[in-house]
Structure formats: structure tokens, C-alpha cells
């Protein structure tokens, strides 16, 4: 994936990976909190 701007071709596919990284890490934190709540640990 790319965009054409000012006559040049600029790749845009790397920016799509910020979303799964951000949401994945958020899920990891929430899952860890859930596990710790179940086990009664800090």
C-alpha cells in the first residue's frame, strides 16, 4: 500500500501496524490485570 503525493509514491503500509501493536499491548495489560484479579495477586 502506498499513496501518491506531489508526484511521488510514498509507502503507507507500515503505519497500519501501529494499530495492532497498540491494541495488542492494551489487551495484554488488561488480560494480565484480569489474571492477577483471579489469583488475588498484585
ModelCIF file with pLDDT and N, C-alpha, C, O atoms, coordinates in Angstrom:
data_MODEL
#
_entry.id   MODEL 
#
_entity.id                         1 
_entity.type                       polymer 
_entity.pdbx_number_of_molecules   1 
#
_entity_poly.entity_id                      1 
_entity_poly.type                           'polypeptide(L)' 
_entity_poly.nstd_linkage                   no 
_entity_poly.nstd_monomer                   no 
_entity_poly.pdbx_seq_one_letter_code       
;(UNK)(UNK)(UNK)(UNK)(UNK)(UNK)(UNK)(UNK)(UNK)(UNK)(UNK)(UNK)(UNK)(UNK)(UNK)(UNK)
(UNK)(UNK)(UNK)(UNK)(UNK)(UNK)(UNK)(UNK)(UNK)(UNK)(UNK)(UNK)(UNK)(UNK)(UNK)(UNK)
(UNK)(UNK)(UNK)(UNK)(UNK)(UNK)(UNK)(UNK)(UNK)(UNK)
;
_entity_poly.pdbx_seq_one_letter_code_can   XXXXXXXXXXXXXXXXXXXXXXXXXXXXXXXXXXXXXXXXXX 
_entity_poly.pdbx_strand_id                 A 
#
loop_
_entity_poly_seq.entity_id 
_entity_poly_seq.num 
_entity_poly_seq.mon_id 
_entity_poly_seq.hetero 
1 1  UNK n 
1 2  UNK n 
1 3  UNK n 
1 4  UNK n 
1 5  UNK n 
1 6  UNK n 
1 7  UNK n 
1 8  UNK n 
1 9  UNK n 
1 10 UNK n 
1 11 UNK n 
1 12 UNK n 
1 13 UNK n 
1 14 UNK n 
1 15 UNK n 
1 16 UNK n 
1 17 UNK n 
1 18 UNK n 
1 19 UNK n 
1 20 UNK n 
1 21 UNK n 
1 22 UNK n 
1 23 UNK n 
1 24 UNK n 
1 25 UNK n 
1 26 UNK n 
1 27 UNK n 
1 28 UNK n 
1 29 UNK n 
1 30 UNK n 
1 31 UNK n 
1 32 UNK n 
1 33 UNK n 
1 34 UNK n 
1 35 UNK n 
1 36 UNK n 
1 37 UNK n 
1 38 UNK n 
1 39 UNK n 
1 40 UNK n 
1 41 UNK n 
1 42 UNK n 
#
_struct_asym.id          A 
_struct_asym.entity_id   1 
#
loop_
_ma_qa_metric.id 
_ma_qa_metric.mode 
_ma_qa_metric.name 
_ma_qa_metric.software_group_id 
_ma_qa_metric.type 
1 global pLDDT . pLDDT 
2 local  pLDDT . pLDDT 
#
_ma_qa_metric_global.metric_id      1 
_ma_qa_metric_global.metric_value   91.76 
_ma_qa_metric_global.model_id       1 
_ma_qa_metric_global.ordinal_id     1 
#
loop_
_ma_qa_metric_local.label_asym_id 
_ma_qa_metric_local.label_comp_id 
_ma_qa_metric_local.label_seq_id 
_ma_qa_metric_local.metric_id 
_ma_qa_metric_local.metric_value 
_ma_qa_metric_local.model_id 
_ma_qa_metric_local.ordinal_id 
A UNK 1  2 91.00 1 1  
A UNK 2  2 89.00 1 2  
A UNK 3  2 89.00 1 3  
A UNK 4  2 85.00 1 4  
A UNK 5  2 80.00 1 5  
A UNK 6  2 72.00 1 6  
A UNK 7  2 70.00 1 7  
A UNK 8  2 76.00 1 8  
A UNK 9  2 84.00 1 9  
A UNK 10 2 87.00 1 10 
A UNK 11 2 91.00 1 11 
A UNK 12 2 91.00 1 12 
A UNK 13 2 93.00 1 13 
A UNK 14 2 94.00 1 14 
A UNK 15 2 94.00 1 15 
A UNK 16 2 96.00 1 16 
A UNK 17 2 97.00 1 17 
A UNK 18 2 97.00 1 18 
A UNK 19 2 97.00 1 19 
A UNK 20 2 98.00 1 20 
A UNK 21 2 97.00 1 21 
A UNK 22 2 97.00 1 22 
A UNK 23 2 98.00 1 23 
A UNK 24 2 97.00 1 24 
A UNK 25 2 97.00 1 25 
A UNK 26 2 97.00 1 26 
A UNK 27 2 97.00 1 27 
A UNK 28 2 97.00 1 28 
A UNK 29 2 96.00 1 29 
A UNK 30 2 96.00 1 30 
A UNK 31 2 96.00 1 31 
A UNK 32 2 96.00 1 32 
A UNK 33 2 94.00 1 33 
A UNK 34 2 95.00 1 34 
A UNK 35 2 95.00 1 35 
A UNK 36 2 93.00 1 36 
A UNK 37 2 92.00 1 37 
A UNK 38 2 93.00 1 38 
A UNK 39 2 92.00 1 39 
A UNK 40 2 90.00 1 40 
A UNK 41 2 90.00 1 41 
A UNK 42 2 88.00 1 42 
#
loop_
_atom_site.group_PDB 
_atom_site.id 
_atom_site.type_symbol 
_atom_site.label_atom_id 
_atom_site.label_alt_id 
_atom_site.label_comp_id 
_atom_site.label_asym_id 
_atom_site.label_entity_id 
_atom_site.label_seq_id 
_atom_site.pdbx_PDB_ins_code 
_atom_site.Cartn_x 
_atom_site.Cartn_y 
_atom_site.Cartn_z 
_atom_site.occupancy 
_atom_site.B_iso_or_equiv 
_atom_site.pdbx_formal_charge 
_atom_site.auth_seq_id 
_atom_site.auth_comp_id 
_atom_site.auth_asym_id 
_atom_site.auth_atom_id 
_atom_site.pdbx_PDB_model_num 
ATOM 1   N N  . UNK A 1 1  ? 0.825  -1.215  0.000  1.00 91.00 ? 1  UNK A N  1 
ATOM 2   C CA . UNK A 1 1  ? 0.000  0.000   0.000  1.00 91.00 ? 1  UNK A CA 1 
ATOM 3   C C  . UNK A 1 1  ? 0.855  1.259   0.000  1.00 91.00 ? 1  UNK A C  1 
ATOM 4   O O  . UNK A 1 1  ? 1.861  1.356   0.703  1.00 91.00 ? 1  UNK A O  1 
ATOM 5   N N  . UNK A 1 2  ? 0.426  2.215   -0.806 1.00 89.00 ? 2  UNK A N  1 
ATOM 6   C CA . UNK A 1 2  ? 1.140  3.483   -0.927 1.00 89.00 ? 2  UNK A CA 1 
ATOM 7   C C  . UNK A 1 2  ? 0.170  4.583   -1.279 1.00 89.00 ? 2  UNK A C  1 
ATOM 8   O O  . UNK A 1 2  ? -0.979 4.322   -1.634 1.00 89.00 ? 2  UNK A O  1 
ATOM 9   N N  . UNK A 1 3  ? 0.632  5.811   -1.179 1.00 89.00 ? 3  UNK A N  1 
ATOM 10  C CA . UNK A 1 3  ? -0.118 6.987   -1.616 1.00 89.00 ? 3  UNK A CA 1 
ATOM 11  C C  . UNK A 1 3  ? 0.760  7.768   -2.571 1.00 89.00 ? 3  UNK A C  1 
ATOM 12  O O  . UNK A 1 3  ? 1.988  7.720   -2.504 1.00 89.00 ? 3  UNK A O  1 
ATOM 13  N N  . UNK A 1 4  ? 0.103  8.483   -3.454 1.00 85.00 ? 4  UNK A N  1 
ATOM 14  C CA . UNK A 1 4  ? 0.845  9.336   -4.379 1.00 85.00 ? 4  UNK A CA 1 
ATOM 15  C C  . UNK A 1 4  ? 0.624  10.779  -3.945 1.00 85.00 ? 4  UNK A C  1 
ATOM 16  O O  . UNK A 1 4  ? -0.503 11.271  -3.892 1.00 85.00 ? 4  UNK A O  1 
ATOM 17  N N  . UNK A 1 5  ? 1.714  11.428  -3.642 1.00 80.00 ? 5  UNK A N  1 
ATOM 18  C CA . UNK A 1 5  ? 1.656  12.809  -3.179 1.00 80.00 ? 5  UNK A CA 1 
ATOM 19  C C  . UNK A 1 5  ? 2.758  13.579  -3.882 1.00 80.00 ? 5  UNK A C  1 
ATOM 20  O O  . UNK A 1 5  ? 3.907  13.139  -3.914 1.00 80.00 ? 5  UNK A O  1 
ATOM 21  N N  . UNK A 1 6  ? 2.415  14.710  -4.437 1.00 72.00 ? 6  UNK A N  1 
ATOM 22  C CA . UNK A 1 6  ? 3.369  15.580  -5.125 1.00 72.00 ? 6  UNK A CA 1 
ATOM 23  C C  . UNK A 1 6  ? 4.157  14.811  -6.182 1.00 72.00 ? 6  UNK A C  1 
ATOM 24  O O  . UNK A 1 6  ? 5.355  15.026  -6.365 1.00 72.00 ? 6  UNK A O  1 
ATOM 25  N N  . UNK A 1 7  ? 3.467  13.921  -6.864 1.00 70.00 ? 7  UNK A N  1 
ATOM 26  C CA . UNK A 1 7  ? 4.105  13.172  -7.948 1.00 70.00 ? 7  UNK A CA 1 
ATOM 27  C C  . UNK A 1 7  ? 4.998  12.037  -7.480 1.00 70.00 ? 7  UNK A C  1 
ATOM 28  O O  . UNK A 1 7  ? 5.596  11.346  -8.304 1.00 70.00 ? 7  UNK A O  1 
ATOM 29  N N  . UNK A 1 8  ? 5.101  11.832  -6.176 1.00 76.00 ? 8  UNK A N  1 
ATOM 30  C CA . UNK A 1 8  ? 5.949  10.766  -5.657 1.00 76.00 ? 8  UNK A CA 1 
ATOM 31  C C  . UNK A 1 8  ? 5.125  9.675   -5.009 1.00 76.00 ? 8  UNK A C  1 
ATOM 32  O O  . UNK A 1 8  ? 4.035  9.920   -4.493 1.00 76.00 ? 8  UNK A O  1 
ATOM 33  N N  . UNK A 1 9  ? 5.657  8.480   -5.042 1.00 84.00 ? 9  UNK A N  1 
ATOM 34  C CA . UNK A 1 9  ? 4.985  7.321   -4.454 1.00 84.00 ? 9  UNK A CA 1 
ATOM 35  C C  . UNK A 1 9  ? 5.561  7.101   -3.048 1.00 84.00 ? 9  UNK A C  1 
ATOM 36  O O  . UNK A 1 9  ? 6.759  6.868   -2.890 1.00 84.00 ? 9  UNK A O  1 
ATOM 37  N N  . UNK A 1 10 ? 4.699  7.178   -2.039 1.00 87.00 ? 10 UNK A N  1 
ATOM 38  C CA . UNK A 1 10 ? 5.126  7.051   -0.652 1.00 87.00 ? 10 UNK A CA 1 
ATOM 39  C C  . UNK A 1 10 ? 4.424  5.842   -0.037 1.00 87.00 ? 10 UNK A C  1 
ATOM 40  O O  . UNK A 1 10 ? 3.195  5.775   -0.003 1.00 87.00 ? 10 UNK A O  1 
ATOM 41  N N  . UNK A 1 11 ? 5.214  4.895   0.446  1.00 91.00 ? 11 UNK A N  1 
ATOM 42  C CA . UNK A 1 11 ? 4.612  3.693   1.033  1.00 91.00 ? 11 UNK A CA 1 
ATOM 43  C C  . UNK A 1 11 ? 3.896  4.064   2.334  1.00 91.00 ? 11 UNK A C  1 
ATOM 44  O O  . UNK A 1 11 ? 4.394  4.868   3.122  1.00 91.00 ? 11 UNK A O  1 
ATOM 45  N N  . UNK A 1 12 ? 2.730  3.471   2.543  1.00 91.00 ? 12 UNK A N  1 
ATOM 46  C CA . UNK A 1 12 ? 1.950  3.740   3.759  1.00 91.00 ? 12 UNK A CA 1 
ATOM 47  C C  . UNK A 1 12 ? 1.669  2.487   4.574  1.00 91.00 ? 12 UNK A C  1 
ATOM 48  O O  . UNK A 1 12 ? 1.130  2.580   5.676  1.00 91.00 ? 12 UNK A O  1 
ATOM 49  N N  . UNK A 1 13 ? 2.023  1.318   4.052  1.00 93.00 ? 13 UNK A N  1 
ATOM 50  C CA . UNK A 1 13 ? 1.686  0.101   4.778  1.00 93.00 ? 13 UNK A CA 1 
ATOM 51  C C  . UNK A 1 13 ? 2.303  0.007   6.171  1.00 93.00 ? 13 UNK A C  1 
ATOM 52  O O  . UNK A 1 13 ? 1.681  -0.616  7.032  1.00 93.00 ? 13 UNK A O  1 
ATOM 53  N N  . UNK A 1 14 ? 3.471  0.570   6.464  1.00 94.00 ? 14 UNK A N  1 
ATOM 54  C CA . UNK A 1 14 ? 3.991  0.435   7.834  1.00 94.00 ? 14 UNK A CA 1 
ATOM 55  C C  . UNK A 1 14 ? 3.089  1.058   8.899  1.00 94.00 ? 14 UNK A C  1 
ATOM 56  O O  . UNK A 1 14 ? 3.044  0.575   10.030 1.00 94.00 ? 14 UNK A O  1 
ATOM 57  N N  . UNK A 1 15 ? 2.380  2.116   8.550  1.00 94.00 ? 15 UNK A N  1 
ATOM 58  C CA . UNK A 1 15 ? 1.538  2.781   9.556  1.00 94.00 ? 15 UNK A CA 1 
ATOM 59  C C  . UNK A 1 15 ? 0.375  1.903   10.003 1.00 94.00 ? 15 UNK A C  1 
ATOM 60  O O  . UNK A 1 15 ? -0.171 2.115   11.086 1.00 94.00 ? 15 UNK A O  1 
ATOM 61  N N  . UNK A 1 16 ? -0.009 0.933   9.200  1.00 96.00 ? 16 UNK A N  1 
ATOM 62  C CA . UNK A 1 16 ? -1.107 0.046   9.569  1.00 96.00 ? 16 UNK A CA 1 
ATOM 63  C C  . UNK A 1 16 ? -0.733 -0.862  10.743 1.00 96.00 ? 16 UNK A C  1 
ATOM 64  O O  . UNK A 1 16 ? -1.622 -1.407  11.397 1.00 96.00 ? 16 UNK A O  1 
ATOM 65  N N  . UNK A 1 17 ? 0.535  -1.033  11.020 1.00 97.00 ? 17 UNK A N  1 
ATOM 66  C CA . UNK A 1 17 ? 0.972  -1.908  12.106 1.00 97.00 ? 17 UNK A CA 1 
ATOM 67  C C  . UNK A 1 17 ? 0.909  -1.234  13.473 1.00 97.00 ? 17 UNK A C  1 
ATOM 68  O O  . UNK A 1 17 ? 1.010  -1.914  14.494 1.00 97.00 ? 17 UNK A O  1 
ATOM 69  N N  . UNK A 1 18 ? 0.743  0.090   13.514 1.00 97.00 ? 18 UNK A N  1 
ATOM 70  C CA . UNK A 1 18 ? 0.628  0.763   14.803 1.00 97.00 ? 18 UNK A CA 1 
ATOM 71  C C  . UNK A 1 18 ? -0.646 0.340   15.540 1.00 97.00 ? 18 UNK A C  1 
ATOM 72  O O  . UNK A 1 18 ? -0.640 0.245   16.768 1.00 97.00 ? 18 UNK A O  1 
ATOM 73  N N  . UNK A 1 19 ? -1.715 0.088   14.825 1.00 97.00 ? 19 UNK A N  1 
ATOM 74  C CA . UNK A 1 19 ? -2.980 -0.285  15.455 1.00 97.00 ? 19 UNK A CA 1 
ATOM 75  C C  . UNK A 1 19 ? -2.910 -1.643  16.152 1.00 97.00 ? 19 UNK A C  1 
ATOM 76  O O  . UNK A 1 19 ? -3.242 -1.722  17.334 1.00 97.00 ? 19 UNK A O  1 
ATOM 77  N N  . UNK A 1 20 ? -2.494 -2.714  15.474 1.00 98.00 ? 20 UNK A N  1 
ATOM 78  C CA . UNK A 1 20 ? -2.428 -3.989  16.196 1.00 98.00 ? 20 UNK A CA 1 
ATOM 79  C C  . UNK A 1 20 ? -1.426 -3.983  17.344 1.00 98.00 ? 20 UNK A C  1 
ATOM 80  O O  . UNK A 1 20 ? -1.630 -4.670  18.344 1.00 98.00 ? 20 UNK A O  1 
ATOM 81  N N  . UNK A 1 21 ? -0.351 -3.220  17.214 1.00 97.00 ? 21 UNK A N  1 
ATOM 82  C CA . UNK A 1 21 ? 0.605  -3.134  18.319 1.00 97.00 ? 21 UNK A CA 1 
ATOM 83  C C  . UNK A 1 21 ? -0.049 -2.441  19.514 1.00 97.00 ? 21 UNK A C  1 
ATOM 84  O O  . UNK A 1 21 ? 0.026  -2.940  20.636 1.00 97.00 ? 21 UNK A O  1 
ATOM 85  N N  . UNK A 1 22 ? -0.684 -1.303  19.281 1.00 97.00 ? 22 UNK A N  1 
ATOM 86  C CA . UNK A 1 22 ? -1.333 -0.566  20.363 1.00 97.00 ? 22 UNK A CA 1 
ATOM 87  C C  . UNK A 1 22 ? -2.452 -1.356  21.023 1.00 97.00 ? 22 UNK A C  1 
ATOM 88  O O  . UNK A 1 22 ? -2.500 -1.467  22.248 1.00 97.00 ? 22 UNK A O  1 
ATOM 89  N N  . UNK A 1 23 ? -3.354 -1.905  20.213 1.00 98.00 ? 23 UNK A N  1 
ATOM 90  C CA . UNK A 1 23 ? -4.464 -2.675  20.775 1.00 98.00 ? 23 UNK A CA 1 
ATOM 91  C C  . UNK A 1 23 ? -3.980 -3.986  21.388 1.00 98.00 ? 23 UNK A C  1 
ATOM 92  O O  . UNK A 1 23 ? -4.516 -4.432  22.403 1.00 98.00 ? 23 UNK A O  1 
ATOM 93  N N  . UNK A 1 24 ? -2.976 -4.602  20.783 1.00 97.00 ? 24 UNK A N  1 
ATOM 94  C CA . UNK A 1 24 ? -2.428 -5.844  21.333 1.00 97.00 ? 24 UNK A CA 1 
ATOM 95  C C  . UNK A 1 24 ? -1.811 -5.631  22.703 1.00 97.00 ? 24 UNK A C  1 
ATOM 96  O O  . UNK A 1 24 ? -2.033 -6.426  23.617 1.00 97.00 ? 24 UNK A O  1 
ATOM 97  N N  . UNK A 1 25 ? -1.035 -4.559  22.852 1.00 97.00 ? 25 UNK A N  1 
ATOM 98  C CA . UNK A 1 25 ? -0.445 -4.265  24.159 1.00 97.00 ? 25 UNK A CA 1 
ATOM 99  C C  . UNK A 1 25 ? -1.512 -3.901  25.187 1.00 97.00 ? 25 UNK A C  1 
ATOM 100 O O  . UNK A 1 25 ? -1.405 -4.268  26.358 1.00 97.00 ? 25 UNK A O  1 
ATOM 101 N N  . UNK A 1 26 ? -2.535 -3.183  24.750 1.00 97.00 ? 26 UNK A N  1 
ATOM 102 C CA . UNK A 1 26 ? -3.628 -2.854  25.665 1.00 97.00 ? 26 UNK A CA 1 
ATOM 103 C C  . UNK A 1 26 ? -4.334 -4.125  26.128 1.00 97.00 ? 26 UNK A C  1 
ATOM 104 O O  . UNK A 1 26 ? -4.685 -4.257  27.300 1.00 97.00 ? 26 UNK A O  1 
ATOM 105 N N  . UNK A 1 27 ? -4.537 -5.048  25.208 1.00 97.00 ? 27 UNK A N  1 
ATOM 106 C CA . UNK A 1 27 ? -5.154 -6.325  25.549 1.00 97.00 ? 27 UNK A CA 1 
ATOM 107 C C  . UNK A 1 27 ? -4.281 -7.115  26.519 1.00 97.00 ? 27 UNK A C  1 
ATOM 108 O O  . UNK A 1 27 ? -4.786 -7.733  27.456 1.00 97.00 ? 27 UNK A O  1 
ATOM 109 N N  . UNK A 1 28 ? -2.970 -7.090  26.290 1.00 97.00 ? 28 UNK A N  1 
ATOM 110 C CA . UNK A 1 28 ? -2.042 -7.790  27.175 1.00 97.00 ? 28 UNK A CA 1 
ATOM 111 C C  . UNK A 1 28 ? -2.124 -7.239  28.598 1.00 97.00 ? 28 UNK A C  1 
ATOM 112 O O  . UNK A 1 28 ? -2.165 -8.006  29.561 1.00 97.00 ? 28 UNK A O  1 
ATOM 113 N N  . UNK A 1 29 ? -2.147 -5.924  28.731 1.00 96.00 ? 29 UNK A N  1 
ATOM 114 C CA . UNK A 1 29 ? -2.238 -5.299  30.052 1.00 96.00 ? 29 UNK A CA 1 
ATOM 115 C C  . UNK A 1 29 ? -3.558 -5.679  30.725 1.00 96.00 ? 29 UNK A C  1 
ATOM 116 O O  . UNK A 1 29 ? -3.572 -6.063  31.894 1.00 96.00 ? 29 UNK A O  1 
ATOM 117 N N  . UNK A 1 30 ? -4.665 -5.572  29.988 1.00 96.00 ? 30 UNK A N  1 
ATOM 118 C CA . UNK A 1 30 ? -5.975 -5.896  30.568 1.00 96.00 ? 30 UNK A CA 1 
ATOM 119 C C  . UNK A 1 30 ? -6.062 -7.381  30.936 1.00 96.00 ? 30 UNK A C  1 
ATOM 120 O O  . UNK A 1 30 ? -6.613 -7.731  31.980 1.00 96.00 ? 30 UNK A O  1 
ATOM 121 N N  . UNK A 1 31 ? -5.527 -8.240  30.091 1.00 96.00 ? 31 UNK A N  1 
ATOM 122 C CA . UNK A 1 31 ? -5.539 -9.676  30.390 1.00 96.00 ? 31 UNK A CA 1 
ATOM 123 C C  . UNK A 1 31 ? -4.701 -9.970  31.633 1.00 96.00 ? 31 UNK A C  1 
ATOM 124 O O  . UNK A 1 31 ? -5.098 -10.777 32.474 1.00 96.00 ? 31 UNK A O  1 
ATOM 125 N N  . UNK A 1 32 ? -3.543 -9.318  31.751 1.00 96.00 ? 32 UNK A N  1 
ATOM 126 C CA . UNK A 1 32 ? -2.695 -9.519  32.925 1.00 96.00 ? 32 UNK A CA 1 
ATOM 127 C C  . UNK A 1 32 ? -3.407 -9.060  34.193 1.00 96.00 ? 32 UNK A C  1 
ATOM 128 O O  . UNK A 1 32 ? -3.330 -9.726  35.225 1.00 96.00 ? 32 UNK A O  1 
ATOM 129 N N  . UNK A 1 33 ? -4.102 -7.924  34.120 1.00 94.00 ? 33 UNK A N  1 
ATOM 130 C CA . UNK A 1 33 ? -4.858 -7.446  35.274 1.00 94.00 ? 33 UNK A CA 1 
ATOM 131 C C  . UNK A 1 33 ? -5.942 -8.454  35.656 1.00 94.00 ? 33 UNK A C  1 
ATOM 132 O O  . UNK A 1 33 ? -6.171 -8.722  36.835 1.00 94.00 ? 33 UNK A O  1 
ATOM 133 N N  . UNK A 1 34 ? -6.600 -9.005  34.642 1.00 95.00 ? 34 UNK A N  1 
ATOM 134 C CA . UNK A 1 34 ? -7.660 -9.980  34.887 1.00 95.00 ? 34 UNK A CA 1 
ATOM 135 C C  . UNK A 1 34 ? -7.105 -11.221 35.574 1.00 95.00 ? 34 UNK A C  1 
ATOM 136 O O  . UNK A 1 34 ? -7.690 -11.713 36.539 1.00 95.00 ? 34 UNK A O  1 
ATOM 137 N N  . UNK A 1 35 ? -5.988 -11.722 35.083 1.00 95.00 ? 35 UNK A N  1 
ATOM 138 C CA . UNK A 1 35 ? -5.359 -12.904 35.676 1.00 95.00 ? 35 UNK A CA 1 
ATOM 139 C C  . UNK A 1 35 ? -4.974 -12.620 37.128 1.00 95.00 ? 35 UNK A C  1 
ATOM 140 O O  . UNK A 1 35 ? -5.198 -13.454 38.004 1.00 95.00 ? 35 UNK A O  1 
ATOM 141 N N  . UNK A 1 36 ? -4.407 -11.470 37.379 1.00 93.00 ? 36 UNK A N  1 
ATOM 142 C CA . UNK A 1 36 ? -4.000 -11.118 38.742 1.00 93.00 ? 36 UNK A CA 1 
ATOM 143 C C  . UNK A 1 36 ? -5.201 -10.957 39.670 1.00 93.00 ? 36 UNK A C  1 
ATOM 144 O O  . UNK A 1 36 ? -5.119 -11.290 40.852 1.00 93.00 ? 36 UNK A O  1 
ATOM 145 N N  . UNK A 1 37 ? -6.316 -10.449 39.142 1.00 92.00 ? 37 UNK A N  1 
ATOM 146 C CA . UNK A 1 37 ? -7.526 -10.345 39.963 1.00 92.00 ? 37 UNK A CA 1 
ATOM 147 C C  . UNK A 1 37 ? -8.032 -11.722 40.353 1.00 92.00 ? 37 UNK A C  1 
ATOM 148 O O  . UNK A 1 37 ? -8.424 -11.947 41.498 1.00 92.00 ? 37 UNK A O  1 
ATOM 149 N N  . UNK A 1 38 ? -8.022 -12.643 39.395 1.00 93.00 ? 38 UNK A N  1 
ATOM 150 C CA . UNK A 1 38 ? -8.490 -14.002 39.669 1.00 93.00 ? 38 UNK A CA 1 
ATOM 151 C C  . UNK A 1 38 ? -7.602 -14.675 40.716 1.00 93.00 ? 38 UNK A C  1 
ATOM 152 O O  . UNK A 1 38 ? -8.099 -15.358 41.611 1.00 93.00 ? 38 UNK A O  1 
ATOM 153 N N  . UNK A 1 39 ? -6.293 -14.481 40.600 1.00 92.00 ? 39 UNK A N  1 
ATOM 154 C CA . UNK A 1 39 ? -5.353 -15.111 41.524 1.00 92.00 ? 39 UNK A CA 1 
ATOM 155 C C  . UNK A 1 39 ? -5.181 -14.341 42.829 1.00 92.00 ? 39 UNK A C  1 
ATOM 156 O O  . UNK A 1 39 ? -4.558 -14.839 43.767 1.00 92.00 ? 39 UNK A O  1 
ATOM 157 N N  . UNK A 1 40 ? -5.729 -13.132 42.892 1.00 90.00 ? 40 UNK A N  1 
ATOM 158 C CA . UNK A 1 40 ? -5.597 -12.319 44.093 1.00 90.00 ? 40 UNK A CA 1 
ATOM 159 C C  . UNK A 1 40 ? -4.184 -11.814 44.323 1.00 90.00 ? 40 UNK A C  1 
ATOM 160 O O  . UNK A 1 40 ? -3.778 -11.609 45.466 1.00 90.00 ? 40 UNK A O  1 
ATOM 161 N N  . UNK A 1 41 ? -3.430 -11.612 43.251 1.00 90.00 ? 41 UNK A N  1 
ATOM 162 C CA . UNK A 1 41 ? -2.039 -11.162 43.335 1.00 90.00 ? 41 UNK A CA 1 
ATOM 163 C C  . UNK A 1 41 ? -1.918 -9.736  42.825 1.00 90.00 ? 41 UNK A C  1 
ATOM 164 O O  . UNK A 1 41 ? -2.784 -9.245  42.101 1.00 90.00 ? 41 UNK A O  1 
ATOM 165 N N  . UNK A 1 42 ? -0.834 -9.079  43.213 1.00 88.00 ? 42 UNK A N  1 
ATOM 166 C CA . UNK A 1 42 ? -0.504 -7.763  42.672 1.00 88.00 ? 42 UNK A CA 1 
ATOM 167 C C  . UNK A 1 42 ? -0.048 -7.921  41.224 1.00 88.00 ? 42 UNK A C  1 
ATOM 168 O O  . UNK A 1 42 ? 0.282  -6.932  40.569 1.00 88.00 ? 42 UNK A O  1 
#
